[in-house]
């Protein structure tokens, strides 16, 4: 399981995050995406080293970059709330909620990585749980929220797209809170997150895929949607088992099925598809602040 998890983590750090930043905001986050490998390479190497000072130092370098993304999310939110709006509403639009969730998620993963590499049971969690938190918040957190936001931007008037953009972040937050509350709260989070992911799959399959002419892009979208239908079922099974005590998959089995399927079948295929779509139809950049990288 360790080798598989480390490979998934490397994929998330080295490709998913910088590719996602370019898709989210090509102008405001361009510097962050370009400089991200300087932090992602040490972060991806950290899990392969024995626990100790060297591995913790490499993980800390990644954490610095993740905290800068967290700061960018805060700046983005403050500017959004301060901007004048028609109708008096100040809450972020559903796509923006998803983007903010994506920008915050790497910091959760980085905190877990630093603690796990240092052998510290952060908040009392087992080191194995902390190790799995790292890929979880790169794909169920960052990538899933990012794709939900992109889907909502493309099909923003539809109810399923708006539901996806709200429920994926809400489900991710509930799963995180479930770590601290109890297994039933985590099950609720898994239900909400699964509903949001299935909404992403539905809109992708029914609305986005048929409108794409390029066969490769259409296939990538189809695979990403179909995989979500299957891979979220083990997540529900595992969460239900933890809450009720029924027989459920082990963490190793979850990593090999749910984790690998979401990372490759959904995450990688989705990012590749949206990259091709953005190359064909460059989106208008949003007026957001650049990330404070030098």
Foldseek 3Di string as FASTA:
>chain_A
DLVLLLVLLLCLQVPLVLLLQCLVFVPQAVVLSVCSVVLSVLCSCLSVDAQDDSSLVSLVSNLVSLVLLLVLLVQQLVVQQPDDDPPPDRDDQLLNLLQSQLSNLQNLLSVLSNCLSNVHCVVNNDSVVSSNSNSCSSQLTNQQSSLLSVLCVVVVVDPLSSLLSPQSSVLVVQLVVCVVPHLVSNLVSLVSNLSSLLSSLVCLLPPVLVVDDDPLLSVLSNQQSVLSVPLSVLVNQVSVCRHPVDDHDDPVVNCVGNVVSSSVRHRVSSSVSSVVVCVVPPDDGDPGHHRPDD
